[in-house]
C-alpha atoms as a PDB file:
ATOM      1  CA  MET A   1      27.888  -1.670   6.740  1.00  0.00           C
ATOM      2  CA  LEU A   2      24.435  -0.641   6.693  1.00  0.00           C
ATOM      3  CA  THR A   3      22.807  -3.935   5.546  1.00  0.00           C
ATOM      4  CA  GLY A   4      19.288  -4.380   7.123  1.00  0.00           C
ATOM      5  CA  ARG A   5      19.267  -0.654   8.281  1.00  0.00           C
ATOM      6  CA  ARG A   6      16.293   1.556   7.249  1.00  0.00           C
ATOM      7  CA  ILE A   7      16.530   4.996   7.240  1.00  0.00           C
ATOM      8  CA  LEU A   8      14.054   7.741   6.884  1.00  0.00           C
ATOM      9  CA  LEU A   9      15.390  10.703   4.929  1.00  0.00           C
ATOM     10  CA  VAL A  10      13.339  14.141   5.074  1.00  0.00           C
ATOM     11  CA  ILE A  11      14.283  16.409   1.970  1.00  0.00           C
ATOM     12  CA  GLY A  12      14.071  20.087   2.469  1.00  0.00           C
ATOM     13  CA  GLY A  13      14.387  22.966   0.383  1.00  0.00           C
ATOM     14  CA  GLY A  14      17.774  24.182  -0.372  1.00  0.00           C
ATOM     15  CA  ILE A  15      20.583  23.252  -2.557  1.00  0.00           C
ATOM     16  CA  ALA A  16      21.202  20.500  -0.211  1.00  0.00           C
ATOM     17  CA  ALA A  17      18.270  18.457  -1.853  1.00  0.00           C
ATOM     18  CA  TYR A  18      20.520  17.754  -4.664  1.00  0.00           C
ATOM     19  CA  LYS A  19      23.035  16.385  -2.497  1.00  0.00           C
ATOM     20  CA  ALA A  20      20.229  13.952  -0.629  1.00  0.00           C
ATOM     21  CA  LEU A  21      20.124  12.215  -3.953  1.00  0.00           C
ATOM     22  CA  GLU A  22      23.724  11.215  -3.902  1.00  0.00           C
ATOM     23  CA  LEU A  23      23.098  10.465  -0.077  1.00  0.00           C
ATOM     24  CA  ILE A  24      20.208   7.980  -0.862  1.00  0.00           C
ATOM     25  CA  ARG A  25      22.640   6.264  -3.588  1.00  0.00           C
ATOM     26  CA  GLU A  26      25.354   6.024  -1.116  1.00  0.00           C
ATOM     27  CA  ILE A  27      23.043   4.193   1.490  1.00  0.00           C
ATOM     28  CA  ARG A  28      21.730   1.677  -0.917  1.00  0.00           C
ATOM     29  CA  ARG A  29      24.860   0.932  -2.165  1.00  0.00           C
ATOM     30  CA  ALA A  30      25.995   0.070   1.391  1.00  0.00           C
ATOM     31  CA  GLY A  31      22.722  -2.173   1.886  1.00  0.00           C
ATOM     32  CA  GLY A  32      20.699   0.014   3.358  1.00  0.00           C
ATOM     33  CA  GLN A  33      16.951   1.008   2.853  1.00  0.00           C
ATOM     34  CA  VAL A  34      15.828   4.539   2.545  1.00  0.00           C
ATOM     35  CA  THR A  35      12.211   5.988   2.916  1.00  0.00           C
ATOM     36  CA  PRO A  36      12.402   9.571   1.405  1.00  0.00           C
ATOM     37  CA  VAL A  37       9.854  12.129   2.765  1.00  0.00           C
ATOM     38  CA  LEU A  38       9.760  15.210  -0.037  1.00  0.00           C
ATOM     39  CA  THR A  39       8.727  18.551   1.611  1.00  0.00           C
ATOM     40  CA  LYS A  40       7.368  21.130  -0.751  1.00  0.00           C
ATOM     41  CA  GLY A  41      10.479  23.126  -0.801  1.00  0.00           C
ATOM     42  CA  GLY A  42      12.457  20.231  -1.621  1.00  0.00           C
ATOM     43  CA  ALA A  43      10.459  19.316  -4.731  1.00  0.00           C
ATOM     44  CA  GLN A  44      11.207  22.873  -5.826  1.00  0.00           C
ATOM     45  CA  PHE A  45      14.710  21.187  -6.515  1.00  0.00           C
ATOM     46  CA  VAL A  46      14.346  17.509  -6.750  1.00  0.00           C
ATOM     47  CA  THR A  47      11.780  15.500  -8.315  1.00  0.00           C
ATOM     48  CA  PRO A  48      10.059  12.785  -6.423  1.00  0.00           C
ATOM     49  CA  LEU A  49      10.519  10.267  -9.195  1.00  0.00           C
ATOM     50  CA  SER A  50      14.592  11.067  -8.904  1.00  0.00           C
ATOM     51  CA  ALA A  51      14.205   9.827  -5.452  1.00  0.00           C
ATOM     52  CA  SER A  52      11.865   7.093  -5.719  1.00  0.00           C
ATOM     53  CA  ALA A  53      14.228   5.475  -8.475  1.00  0.00           C
ATOM     54  CA  LEU A  54      17.293   5.885  -6.265  1.00  0.00           C
ATOM     55  CA  ALA A  55      15.514   4.773  -3.228  1.00  0.00           C
ATOM     56  CA  GLU A  56      13.750   2.056  -4.896  1.00  0.00           C
ATOM     57  CA  SER A  57      10.546   3.000  -2.582  1.00  0.00           C
ATOM     58  CA  LYS A  58       8.012   4.997  -2.199  1.00  0.00           C
ATOM     59  CA  VAL A  59       8.789   8.804  -1.742  1.00  0.00           C
ATOM     60  CA  TYR A  60       6.163  10.322   0.795  1.00  0.00           C
ATOM     61  CA  ALA A  61       4.961  13.979   0.765  1.00  0.00           C
ATOM     62  CA  ASP A  62       3.691  14.240   4.385  1.00  0.00           C
ATOM     63  CA  LEU A  63       5.400  12.604   7.040  1.00  0.00           C
ATOM     64  CA  PHE A  64       1.713  12.086   8.362  1.00  0.00           C
ATOM     65  CA  ASP A  65      -0.180  10.933   5.529  1.00  0.00           C
ATOM     66  CA  LEU A  66      -3.517   9.172   7.245  1.00  0.00           C
ATOM     67  CA  THR A  67      -4.153   7.447   3.637  1.00  0.00           C
ATOM     68  CA  ASP A  68      -0.802   5.392   4.137  1.00  0.00           C
ATOM     69  CA  GLU A  69      -1.821   4.712   8.042  1.00  0.00           C
ATOM     70  CA  ALA A  70      -4.972   3.448   7.519  1.00  0.00           C
ATOM     71  CA  THR A  71      -3.388   0.966   4.618  1.00  0.00           C
ATOM     72  CA  ASN A  72      -0.507  -0.023   6.748  1.00  0.00           C
ATOM     73  CA  ALA A  73      -2.916  -0.625   9.941  1.00  0.00           C
ATOM     74  CA  ALA A  74      -3.065  -4.100   9.906  1.00  0.00           C
ATOM     75  CA  MET A  75       0.081  -5.012   8.736  1.00  0.00           C
ATOM     76  CA  PRO A  76       2.859  -6.143  11.493  1.00  0.00           C
ATOM     77  CA  GLN A  77       5.592  -3.863  12.043  1.00  0.00           C
ATOM     78  CA  GLY A  78       9.062  -4.869  12.414  1.00  0.00           C
ATOM     79  CA  ARG A  79      11.039  -4.666  15.952  1.00  0.00           C
END
């Protein structure tokens, strides 16, 4: 159903952050790829390790991380 889809999931502060982990699990089960972004508020409810383990992907703490931009600059981007 979600095979080949890439989803950016921003996890903010609030009780719904716990449900975000369940959402990551369901998206992965359906074949999608998840890139989590965990805000400072969201990190008060769930850990980056939990989100990373479920997403099988790096968890970003800042949507505009210049270090990652420099690393990815030479890599070809999909569609």
